[in-house]
Amino acid sequence: MKTYEVIKEEYVPCTGDLQPERREILELKLESPAMYVQDQYRNERSVEFLSTEYDGSPVIEAHLEGGRKHRYIFSEV
């Protein structure tokens, strides 16, 4: 397991703002960042995942119904 600092950002489309409506910073021990994000949305009816990298760190977005978007930025500690 690796320790990650995780920045979770939540975007809500009806605000019209391009900035996240809510932001959390977490420190987690994870086997896989991708599996962690998928587990968070196990009960959602419809979710699409997009995975990229920024400065060598995984960035995973979950696109939900209604245009909601949650972005997770992982940095290994």
PDB file of N, CA and C in Angstrom:
ATOM      1  N   MET A   1       0.843  -1.189   0.000  1.00  0.00           N
ATOM      2  CA  MET A   1       0.000   0.000   0.000  1.00  0.00           C
ATOM      3  C   MET A   1       0.883   1.245   0.000  1.00  0.00           C
ATOM      4  N   LYS A   2       0.386   2.261  -0.661  1.00  0.00           N
ATOM      5  CA  LYS A   2       1.086   3.544  -0.704  1.00  0.00           C
ATOM      6  C   LYS A   2       0.215   4.600  -0.023  1.00  0.00           C
ATOM      7  N   THR A   3       0.866   5.627   0.490  1.00  0.00           N
ATOM      8  CA  THR A   3       0.134   6.737   1.108  1.00  0.00           C
ATOM      9  C   THR A   3       0.032   7.869   0.091  1.00  0.00           C
ATOM     10  N   TYR A   4      -1.185   8.381  -0.055  1.00  0.00           N
ATOM     11  CA  TYR A   4      -1.460   9.458  -1.006  1.00  0.00           C
ATOM     12  C   TYR A   4      -2.122  10.631  -0.305  1.00  0.00           C
ATOM     13  N   GLU A   5      -1.782  11.827  -0.748  1.00  0.00           N
ATOM     14  CA  GLU A   5      -2.586  12.997  -0.440  1.00  0.00           C
ATOM     15  C   GLU A   5      -3.578  13.090  -1.596  1.00  0.00           C
ATOM     16  N   VAL A   6      -4.852  13.172  -1.263  1.00  0.00           N
ATOM     17  CA  VAL A   6      -5.902  13.173  -2.282  1.00  0.00           C
ATOM     18  C   VAL A   6      -6.680  14.479  -2.183  1.00  0.00           C
ATOM     19  N   ILE A   7      -6.758  15.181  -3.299  1.00  0.00           N
ATOM     20  CA  ILE A   7      -7.604  16.378  -3.370  1.00  0.00           C
ATOM     21  C   ILE A   7      -8.858  15.975  -4.132  1.00  0.00           C
ATOM     22  N   LYS A   8     -10.001  16.090  -3.457  1.00  0.00           N
ATOM     23  CA  LYS A   8     -11.289  15.757  -4.082  1.00  0.00           C
ATOM     24  C   LYS A   8     -12.036  17.066  -4.344  1.00  0.00           C
ATOM     25  N   GLU A   9     -12.384  17.280  -5.607  1.00  0.00           N
ATOM     26  CA  GLU A   9     -13.117  18.484  -5.995  1.00  0.00           C
ATOM     27  C   GLU A   9     -14.474  18.083  -6.560  1.00  0.00           C
ATOM     28  N   GLU A  10     -15.515  18.805  -6.153  1.00  0.00           N
ATOM     29  CA  GLU A  10     -16.865  18.536  -6.649  1.00  0.00           C
ATOM     30  C   GLU A  10     -17.359  19.739  -7.448  1.00  0.00           C
ATOM     31  N   TYR A  11     -17.782  19.466  -8.660  1.00  0.00           N
ATOM     32  CA  TYR A  11     -18.308  20.502  -9.555  1.00  0.00           C
ATOM     33  C   TYR A  11     -19.794  20.268  -9.767  1.00  0.00           C
ATOM     34  N   VAL A  12     -20.576  21.341  -9.682  1.00  0.00           N
ATOM     35  CA  VAL A  12     -22.017  21.261  -9.892  1.00  0.00           C
ATOM     36  C   VAL A  12     -22.363  22.157 -11.076  1.00  0.00           C
ATOM     37  N   PRO A  13     -22.973  21.590 -12.134  1.00  0.00           N
ATOM     38  CA  PRO A  13     -23.184  22.355 -13.365  1.00  0.00           C
ATOM     39  C   PRO A  13     -24.159  23.519 -13.241  1.00  0.00           C
ATOM     40  N   CYS A  14     -25.140  23.448 -12.360  1.00  0.00           N
ATOM     41  CA  CYS A  14     -26.165  24.495 -12.317  1.00  0.00           C
ATOM     42  C   CYS A  14     -25.652  25.804 -11.720  1.00  0.00           C
ATOM     43  N   THR A  15     -24.467  25.803 -11.111  1.00  0.00           N
ATOM     44  CA  THR A  15     -23.928  27.061 -10.582  1.00  0.00           C
ATOM     45  C   THR A  15     -23.325  27.919 -11.690  1.00  0.00           C
ATOM     46  N   GLY A  16     -22.915  27.279 -12.803  1.00  0.00           N
ATOM     47  CA  GLY A  16     -22.312  28.009 -13.901  1.00  0.00           C
ATOM     48  C   GLY A  16     -20.879  28.419 -13.625  1.00  0.00           C
ATOM     49  N   ASP A  17     -20.354  28.057 -12.476  1.00  0.00           N
ATOM     50  CA  ASP A  17     -18.991  28.420 -12.083  1.00  0.00           C
ATOM     51  C   ASP A  17     -18.036  27.305 -12.492  1.00  0.00           C
ATOM     52  N   LEU A  18     -16.877  27.669 -13.019  1.00  0.00           N
ATOM     53  CA  LEU A  18     -15.889  26.673 -13.426  1.00  0.00           C
ATOM     54  C   LEU A  18     -14.998  26.234 -12.267  1.00  0.00           C
ATOM     55  N   GLN A  19     -15.147  26.874 -11.117  1.00  0.00           N
ATOM     56  CA  GLN A  19     -14.395  26.500  -9.921  1.00  0.00           C
ATOM     57  C   GLN A  19     -15.169  25.415  -9.162  1.00  0.00           C
ATOM     58  N   PRO A  20     -14.461  24.532  -8.451  1.00  0.00           N
ATOM     59  CA  PRO A  20     -15.172  23.501  -7.694  1.00  0.00           C
ATOM     60  C   PRO A  20     -16.038  24.127  -6.603  1.00  0.00           C
ATOM     61  N   GLU A  21     -17.216  23.537  -6.406  1.00  0.00           N
ATOM     62  CA  GLU A  21     -18.112  24.019  -5.360  1.00  0.00           C
ATOM     63  C   GLU A  21     -17.612  23.585  -3.984  1.00  0.00           C
ATOM     64  N   ARG A  22     -16.965  22.443  -3.952  1.00  0.00           N
ATOM     65  CA  ARG A  22     -16.465  21.905  -2.685  1.00  0.00           C
ATOM     66  C   ARG A  22     -15.115  21.231  -2.923  1.00  0.00           C
ATOM     67  N   ARG A  23     -14.213  21.365  -1.959  1.00  0.00           N
ATOM     68  CA  ARG A  23     -12.888  20.756  -2.087  1.00  0.00           C
ATOM     69  C   ARG A  23     -12.489  20.164  -0.736  1.00  0.00           C
ATOM     70  N   GLU A  24     -11.967  18.925  -0.757  1.00  0.00           N
ATOM     71  CA  GLU A  24     -11.475  18.254   0.443  1.00  0.00           C
ATOM     72  C   GLU A  24     -10.051  17.788   0.190  1.00  0.00           C
ATOM     73  N   ILE A  25      -9.243  17.743   1.243  1.00  0.00           N
ATOM     74  CA  ILE A  25      -7.910  17.169   1.151  1.00  0.00           C
ATOM     75  C   ILE A  25      -7.847  16.022   2.152  1.00  0.00           C
ATOM     76  N   LEU A  26      -7.497  14.837   1.665  1.00  0.00           N
ATOM     77  CA  LEU A  26      -7.458  13.629   2.484  1.00  0.00           C
ATOM     78  C   LEU A  26      -6.082  12.994   2.401  1.00  0.00           C
ATOM     79  N   GLU A  27      -5.717  12.231   3.414  1.00  0.00           N
ATOM     80  CA  GLU A  27      -4.518  11.406   3.342  1.00  0.00           C
ATOM     81  C   GLU A  27      -4.970   9.961   3.512  1.00  0.00           C
ATOM     82  N   LEU A  28      -4.709   9.129   2.490  1.00  0.00           N
ATOM     83  CA  LEU A  28      -5.207   7.766   2.463  1.00  0.00           C
ATOM     84  C   LEU A  28      -4.116   6.779   2.100  1.00  0.00           C
ATOM     85  N   LYS A  29      -4.210   5.570   2.655  1.00  0.00           N
ATOM     86  CA  LYS A  29      -3.342   4.453   2.255  1.00  0.00           C
ATOM     87  C   LYS A  29      -4.146   3.605   1.286  1.00  0.00           C
ATOM     88  N   LEU A  30      -3.639   3.470   0.055  1.00  0.00           N
ATOM     89  CA  LEU A  30      -4.392   2.801  -1.002  1.00  0.00           C
ATOM     90  C   LEU A  30      -3.523   1.813  -1.768  1.00  0.00           C
ATOM     91  N   GLU A  31      -4.155   0.752  -2.214  1.00  0.00           N
ATOM     92  CA  GLU A  31      -3.511  -0.179  -3.146  1.00  0.00           C
ATOM     93  C   GLU A  31      -3.536   0.423  -4.552  1.00  0.00           C
ATOM     94  N   SER A  32      -4.716   0.973  -4.904  1.00  0.00           N
ATOM     95  CA  SER A  32      -4.920   1.487  -6.255  1.00  0.00           C
ATOM     96  C   SER A  32      -5.828   2.718  -6.221  1.00  0.00           C
ATOM     97  N   PRO A  33      -5.359   3.877  -6.682  1.00  0.00           N
ATOM     98  CA  PRO A  33      -6.227   5.049  -6.743  1.00  0.00           C
ATOM     99  C   PRO A  33      -7.485   4.808  -7.590  1.00  0.00           C
ATOM    100  N   ALA A  34      -7.342   4.107  -8.701  1.00  0.00           N
ATOM    101  CA  ALA A  34      -8.494   3.859  -9.583  1.00  0.00           C
ATOM    102  C   ALA A  34      -9.561   3.031  -8.878  1.00  0.00           C
ATOM    103  N   MET A  35      -9.150   1.994  -8.157  1.00  0.00           N
ATOM    104  CA  MET A  35     -10.121   1.155  -7.443  1.00  0.00           C
ATOM    105  C   MET A  35     -10.802   1.941  -6.329  1.00  0.00           C
ATOM    106  N   TYR A  36     -10.071   2.823  -5.660  1.00  0.00           N
ATOM    107  CA  TYR A  36     -10.660   3.663  -4.616  1.00  0.00           C
ATOM    108  C   TYR A  36     -11.786   4.522  -5.192  1.00  0.00           C
ATOM    109  N   VAL A  37     -11.519   5.182  -6.315  1.00  0.00           N
ATOM    110  CA  VAL A  37     -12.532   6.058  -6.921  1.00  0.00           C
ATOM    111  C   VAL A  37     -13.738   5.233  -7.382  1.00  0.00           C
ATOM    112  N   GLN A  38     -13.504   4.104  -8.023  1.00  0.00           N
ATOM    113  CA  GLN A  38     -14.620   3.265  -8.482  1.00  0.00           C
ATOM    114  C   GLN A  38     -15.481   2.807  -7.314  1.00  0.00           C
ATOM    115  N   ASP A  39     -14.857   2.471  -6.191  1.00  0.00           N
ATOM    116  CA  ASP A  39     -15.612   2.037  -5.011  1.00  0.00           C
ATOM    117  C   ASP A  39     -16.509   3.143  -4.458  1.00  0.00           C
ATOM    118  N   GLN A  40     -16.123   4.403  -4.634  1.00  0.00           N
ATOM    119  CA  GLN A  40     -16.925   5.515  -4.127  1.00  0.00           C
ATOM    120  C   GLN A  40     -18.268   5.652  -4.852  1.00  0.00           C
ATOM    121  N   TYR A  41     -18.353   5.106  -6.055  1.00  0.00           N
ATOM    122  CA  TYR A  41     -19.550   5.301  -6.889  1.00  0.00           C
ATOM    123  C   TYR A  41     -20.239   3.978  -7.231  1.00  0.00           C
ATOM    124  N   ARG A  42     -20.036   2.994  -6.408  1.00  0.00           N
ATOM    125  CA  ARG A  42     -20.613   1.663  -6.641  1.00  0.00           C
ATOM    126  C   ARG A  42     -22.141   1.694  -6.766  1.00  0.00           C
ATOM    127  N   ASN A  43     -22.808   2.599  -6.048  1.00  0.00           N
ATOM    128  CA  ASN A  43     -24.274   2.633  -6.042  1.00  0.00           C
ATOM    129  C   ASN A  43     -24.877   3.628  -7.034  1.00  0.00           C
ATOM    130  N   GLU A  44     -24.055   4.296  -7.816  1.00  0.00           N
ATOM    131  CA  GLU A  44     -24.566   5.248  -8.818  1.00  0.00           C
ATOM    132  C   GLU A  44     -25.141   4.491 -10.020  1.00  0.00           C
ATOM    133  N   ARG A  45     -26.236   4.989 -10.559  1.00  0.00           N
ATOM    134  CA  ARG A  45     -26.843   4.354 -11.734  1.00  0.00           C
ATOM    135  C   ARG A  45     -25.974   4.498 -12.965  1.00  0.00           C
ATOM    136  N   SER A  46     -25.420   5.686 -13.139  1.00  0.00           N
ATOM    137  CA  SER A  46     -24.635   5.953 -14.343  1.00  0.00           C
ATOM    138  C   SER A  46     -23.415   6.789 -13.959  1.00  0.00           C
ATOM    139  N   VAL A  47     -22.241   6.264 -14.259  1.00  0.00           N
ATOM    140  CA  VAL A  47     -21.011   7.001 -13.977  1.00  0.00           C
ATOM    141  C   VAL A  47     -19.965   6.644 -15.029  1.00  0.00           C
ATOM    142  N   GLU A  48     -19.234   7.647 -15.482  1.00  0.00           N
ATOM    143  CA  GLU A  48     -18.163   7.446 -16.461  1.00  0.00           C
ATOM    144  C   GLU A  48     -16.868   7.966 -15.838  1.00  0.00           C
ATOM    145  N   PHE A  49     -15.803   7.182 -15.941  1.00  0.00           N
ATOM    146  CA  PHE A  49     -14.520   7.551 -15.357  1.00  0.00           C
ATOM    147  C   PHE A  49     -13.550   7.981 -16.444  1.00  0.00           C
ATOM    148  N   LEU A  50     -12.800   9.030 -16.155  1.00  0.00           N
ATOM    149  CA  LEU A  50     -11.764   9.528 -17.055  1.00  0.00           C
ATOM    150  C   LEU A  50     -10.473   9.628 -16.252  1.00  0.00           C
ATOM    151  N   SER A  51      -9.438   8.972 -16.725  1.00  0.00           N
ATOM    152  CA  SER A  51      -8.167   8.940 -15.999  1.00  0.00           C
ATOM    153  C   SER A  51      -7.076   9.606 -16.831  1.00  0.00           C
ATOM    154  N   THR A  52      -6.355  10.537 -16.201  1.00  0.00           N
ATOM    155  CA  THR A  52      -5.238  11.223 -16.849  1.00  0.00           C
ATOM    156  C   THR A  52      -4.103  11.341 -15.826  1.00  0.00           C
ATOM    157  N   GLU A  53      -3.045  12.014 -16.212  1.00  0.00           N
ATOM    158  CA  GLU A  53      -1.948  12.293 -15.289  1.00  0.00           C
ATOM    159  C   GLU A  53      -1.598  13.764 -15.358  1.00  0.00           C
ATOM    160  N   TYR A  54      -1.199  14.306 -14.219  1.00  0.00           N
ATOM    161  CA  TYR A  54      -0.724  15.685 -14.145  1.00  0.00           C
ATOM    162  C   TYR A  54       0.562  15.672 -13.334  1.00  0.00           C
ATOM    163  N   ASP A  55       1.651  16.081 -13.925  1.00  0.00           N
ATOM    164  CA  ASP A  55       2.970  16.054 -13.275  1.00  0.00           C
ATOM    165  C   ASP A  55       3.302  14.677 -12.700  1.00  0.00           C
ATOM    166  N   GLY A  56       2.924  13.629 -13.419  1.00  0.00           N
ATOM    167  CA  GLY A  56       3.226  12.268 -13.000  1.00  0.00           C
ATOM    168  C   GLY A  56       2.300  11.695 -11.945  1.00  0.00           C
ATOM    169  N   SER A  57       1.284  12.442 -11.544  1.00  0.00           N
ATOM    170  CA  SER A  57       0.325  11.975 -10.532  1.00  0.00           C
ATOM    171  C   SER A  57      -1.007  11.650 -11.194  1.00  0.00           C
ATOM    172  N   PRO A  58      -1.673  10.567 -10.740  1.00  0.00           N
ATOM    173  CA  PRO A  58      -2.972  10.218 -11.316  1.00  0.00           C
ATOM    174  C   PRO A  58      -4.040  11.266 -11.001  1.00  0.00           C
ATOM    175  N   VAL A  59      -4.854  11.557 -12.004  1.00  0.00           N
ATOM    176  CA  VAL A  59      -6.028  12.419 -11.851  1.00  0.00           C
ATOM    177  C   VAL A  59      -7.193  11.625 -12.424  1.00  0.00           C
ATOM    178  N   ILE A  60      -8.216  11.402 -11.594  1.00  0.00           N
ATOM    179  CA  ILE A  60      -9.356  10.597 -12.024  1.00  0.00           C
ATOM    180  C   ILE A  60     -10.620  11.421 -11.828  1.00  0.00           C
ATOM    181  N   GLU A  61     -11.423  11.506 -12.895  1.00  0.00           N
ATOM    182  CA  GLU A  61     -12.698  12.223 -12.830  1.00  0.00           C
ATOM    183  C   GLU A  61     -13.837  11.227 -12.929  1.00  0.00           C
ATOM    184  N   ALA A  62     -14.857  11.457 -12.125  1.00  0.00           N
ATOM    185  CA  ALA A  62     -16.093  10.677 -12.192  1.00  0.00           C
ATOM    186  C   ALA A  62     -17.186  11.620 -12.697  1.00  0.00           C
ATOM    187  N   HIS A  63     -17.740  11.307 -13.858  1.00  0.00           N
ATOM    188  CA  HIS A  63     -18.816  12.105 -14.443  1.00  0.00           C
ATOM    189  C   HIS A  63     -20.130  11.397 -14.138  1.00  0.00           C
ATOM    190  N   LEU A  64     -21.008  12.097 -13.416  1.00  0.00           N
ATOM    191  CA  LEU A  64     -22.249  11.510 -12.932  1.00  0.00           C
ATOM    192  C   LEU A  64     -23.458  12.075 -13.669  1.00  0.00           C
ATOM    193  N   GLU A  65     -24.611  11.492 -13.390  1.00  0.00           N
ATOM    194  CA  GLU A  65     -25.856  11.992 -13.988  1.00  0.00           C
ATOM    195  C   GLU A  65     -26.071  13.453 -13.614  1.00  0.00           C
ATOM    196  N   GLY A  66     -26.729  14.177 -14.477  1.00  0.00           N
ATOM    197  CA  GLY A  66     -27.034  15.575 -14.217  1.00  0.00           C
ATOM    198  C   GLY A  66     -25.849  16.501 -14.421  1.00  0.00           C
ATOM    199  N   GLY A  67     -24.774  15.992 -15.033  1.00  0.00           N
ATOM    200  CA  GLY A  67     -23.622  16.827 -15.310  1.00  0.00           C
ATOM    201  C   GLY A  67     -22.686  17.045 -14.130  1.00  0.00           C
ATOM    202  N   ARG A  68     -22.953  16.374 -13.016  1.00  0.00           N
ATOM    203  CA  ARG A  68     -22.056  16.510 -11.864  1.00  0.00           C
ATOM    204  C   ARG A  68     -20.716  15.853 -12.173  1.00  0.00           C
ATOM    205  N   LYS A  69     -19.648  16.446 -11.628  1.00  0.00           N
ATOM    206  CA  LYS A  69     -18.308  15.911 -11.858  1.00  0.00           C
ATOM    207  C   LYS A  69     -17.523  15.968 -10.556  1.00  0.00           C
ATOM    208  N   HIS A  70     -16.848  14.874 -10.241  1.00  0.00           N
ATOM    209  CA  HIS A  70     -15.958  14.819  -9.083  1.00  0.00           C
ATOM    210  C   HIS A  70     -14.561  14.497  -9.597  1.00  0.00           C
ATOM    211  N   ARG A  71     -13.587  15.284  -9.188  1.00  0.00           N
ATOM    212  CA  ARG A  71     -12.208  15.080  -9.627  1.00  0.00           C
ATOM    213  C   ARG A  71     -11.338  14.708  -8.421  1.00  0.00           C
ATOM    214  N   TYR A  72     -10.521  13.687  -8.592  1.00  0.00           N
ATOM    215  CA  TYR A  72      -9.592  13.225  -7.553  1.00  0.00           C
ATOM    216  C   TYR A  72      -8.168  13.391  -8.070  1.00  0.00           C
ATOM    217  N   ILE A  73      -7.343  14.120  -7.331  1.00  0.00           N
ATOM    218  CA  ILE A  73      -5.956  14.332  -7.701  1.00  0.00           C
ATOM    219  C   ILE A  73      -5.097  13.642  -6.627  1.00  0.00           C
ATOM    220  N   PHE A  74      -4.313  12.658  -7.045  1.00  0.00           N
ATOM    221  CA  PHE A  74      -3.517  11.847  -6.121  1.00  0.00           C
ATOM    222  C   PHE A  74      -2.064  12.271  -6.183  1.00  0.00           C
ATOM    223  N   SER A  75      -1.450  12.481  -5.017  1.00  0.00           N
ATOM    224  CA  SER A  75      -0.019  12.758  -4.925  1.00  0.00           C
ATOM    225  C   SER A  75       0.556  11.795  -3.896  1.00  0.00           C
ATOM    226  N   GLU A  76       1.554  11.024  -4.320  1.00  0.00           N
ATOM    227  CA  GLU A  76       2.164  10.069  -3.402  1.00  0.00           C
ATOM    228  C   GLU A  76       2.962  10.824  -2.344  1.00  0.00           C
ATOM    229  N   VAL A  77       2.781  10.432  -1.074  1.00  0.00           N
ATOM    230  CA  VAL A  77       3.470  11.088   0.050  1.00  0.00           C
ATOM    231  C   VAL A  77       4.756  10.355   0.323  1.00  0.00           C
TER     232      VAL A  77
END
